[in-house]
Amino acid sequence: MSEQEQRSHQCCFTGHRPEKLKRTEDEIKKGLEEAILKAVSDGYTMFITGMARGVDIWAGQIVLLLRKDNLNLRLIAALPYPGCDSRWSAEWKKQYTVMLK
């Protein structure tokens, strides 16, 4: 696959923070998983997440879980700025750190 074809098969995630969502976390995650599985079945292997609390992190977590069974999947963490997690709760900081590892 050429570089241009690879770039056209990238999927990016960005979304609302948890406090702005109108659906439950479980509903959001279920929808994300369905969309990611569809993207994978359509040939997408490169995923990019903005690493913000909520949708961005949840989508990245799903890609990492799916990667356990599909080593072709890749996740790029597009970090907003150093220390962006400094005001987050301990739980969100933990999820952020685990994903970066």
Protein backbone atom coordinates (compact mmCIF):
# COMPACT_ATOMS: atom_id res chain seq x y z
CA MET A 1 0.00 0.00 0.00
CA SER A 2 1.41 3.41 -0.96
CA GLU A 3 1.89 6.18 1.61
CA GLN A 4 -1.05 8.08 0.10
CA GLU A 5 -3.29 5.00 0.44
CA GLN A 6 -2.15 4.54 4.04
CA ARG A 7 -3.01 8.15 4.85
CA SER A 8 -6.47 7.74 3.37
CA HIS A 9 -7.06 4.79 5.70
CA GLN A 10 -6.55 6.60 8.99
CA CYS A 11 -9.31 7.19 11.49
CA CYS A 12 -9.17 10.09 13.96
CA PHE A 13 -11.07 10.40 17.22
CA THR A 14 -12.14 13.51 19.04
CA GLY A 15 -15.25 14.11 21.04
CA HIS A 16 -16.90 15.63 24.04
CA ARG A 17 -15.67 15.53 27.60
CA PRO A 18 -17.68 13.25 29.91
CA GLU A 19 -19.59 16.06 31.62
CA LYS A 20 -20.98 17.24 28.27
CA LEU A 21 -22.31 13.87 27.12
CA LYS A 22 -26.02 13.13 27.04
CA ARG A 23 -25.59 9.34 26.91
CA THR A 24 -24.02 7.01 29.43
CA GLU A 25 -20.37 6.00 29.28
CA ASP A 26 -21.39 2.43 28.45
CA GLU A 27 -23.59 3.58 25.55
CA ILE A 28 -20.78 5.74 24.18
CA LYS A 29 -18.22 2.95 24.47
CA LYS A 30 -20.54 0.46 22.79
CA GLY A 31 -21.06 2.83 19.86
CA LEU A 32 -17.35 3.53 19.62
CA GLU A 33 -16.52 -0.16 19.59
CA GLU A 34 -19.05 -0.83 16.85
CA ALA A 35 -17.67 2.05 14.75
CA ILE A 36 -14.06 0.97 15.28
CA LEU A 37 -14.83 -2.65 14.38
CA LYS A 38 -16.57 -1.42 11.21
CA ALA A 39 -13.55 0.72 10.34
CA VAL A 40 -11.22 -2.26 10.86
CA SER A 41 -13.43 -4.43 8.64
CA ASP A 42 -13.23 -1.67 6.01
CA GLY A 43 -9.43 -1.87 6.08
CA TYR A 44 -8.51 0.85 8.55
CA THR A 45 -5.52 0.00 10.70
CA MET A 46 -4.21 3.42 11.82
CA PHE A 47 -6.15 5.28 14.50
CA ILE A 48 -5.37 8.69 16.00
CA THR A 49 -6.72 9.97 19.29
CA GLY A 50 -6.58 13.51 20.68
CA MET A 51 -6.10 12.05 24.20
CA ALA A 52 -8.66 14.28 25.91
CA ARG A 53 -10.86 12.99 28.73
CA GLY A 54 -13.92 11.12 27.54
CA VAL A 55 -14.45 10.01 23.96
CA ASP A 56 -10.80 10.40 22.89
CA ILE A 57 -9.43 8.21 25.66
CA TRP A 58 -12.26 5.67 25.47
CA ALA A 59 -11.75 5.23 21.71
CA GLY A 60 -8.01 4.78 22.21
CA GLN A 61 -8.60 2.19 24.91
CA ILE A 62 -10.84 0.22 22.57
CA VAL A 63 -8.21 0.25 19.81
CA LEU A 64 -5.59 -0.99 22.27
CA LEU A 65 -7.89 -3.81 23.42
CA LEU A 66 -8.58 -4.84 19.82
CA ARG A 67 -4.87 -4.69 19.07
CA LYS A 68 -4.32 -7.66 21.37
CA ASP A 69 -5.98 -9.81 18.67
CA ASN A 70 -4.85 -7.76 15.66
CA LEU A 71 -1.24 -6.58 15.77
CA ASN A 72 -1.76 -4.65 12.52
CA LEU A 73 -3.71 -2.00 14.41
CA ARG A 74 -1.80 1.14 15.35
CA LEU A 75 -2.71 3.98 17.68
CA ILE A 76 -1.18 7.45 17.53
CA ALA A 77 -1.64 9.69 20.57
CA ALA A 78 -1.85 13.31 19.39
CA LEU A 79 -1.05 15.04 22.66
CA PRO A 80 -2.54 18.54 22.96
CA TYR A 81 0.36 19.98 25.02
CA PRO A 82 2.72 18.86 27.80
CA GLY A 83 0.93 18.63 31.12
CA CYS A 84 -2.56 18.71 29.61
CA ASP A 85 -3.60 16.21 32.28
CA SER A 86 -2.38 18.33 35.21
CA ARG A 87 -5.88 19.34 36.35
CA TRP A 88 -7.51 15.97 35.80
CA SER A 89 -8.69 13.59 38.50
CA ALA A 90 -6.37 10.79 39.57
CA GLU A 91 -8.48 8.25 37.64
CA TRP A 92 -8.28 10.16 34.33
CA LYS A 93 -4.54 10.72 34.83
CA LYS A 94 -4.09 6.98 35.36
CA GLN A 95 -6.00 6.12 32.18
CA TYR A 96 -3.99 8.72 30.23
CA THR A 97 -0.66 7.39 31.53
CA VAL A 98 -1.57 3.76 30.87
CA MET A 99 -2.50 4.57 27.27
CA LEU A 100 0.77 6.41 26.65
CA LYS A 101 2.73 3.36 27.81
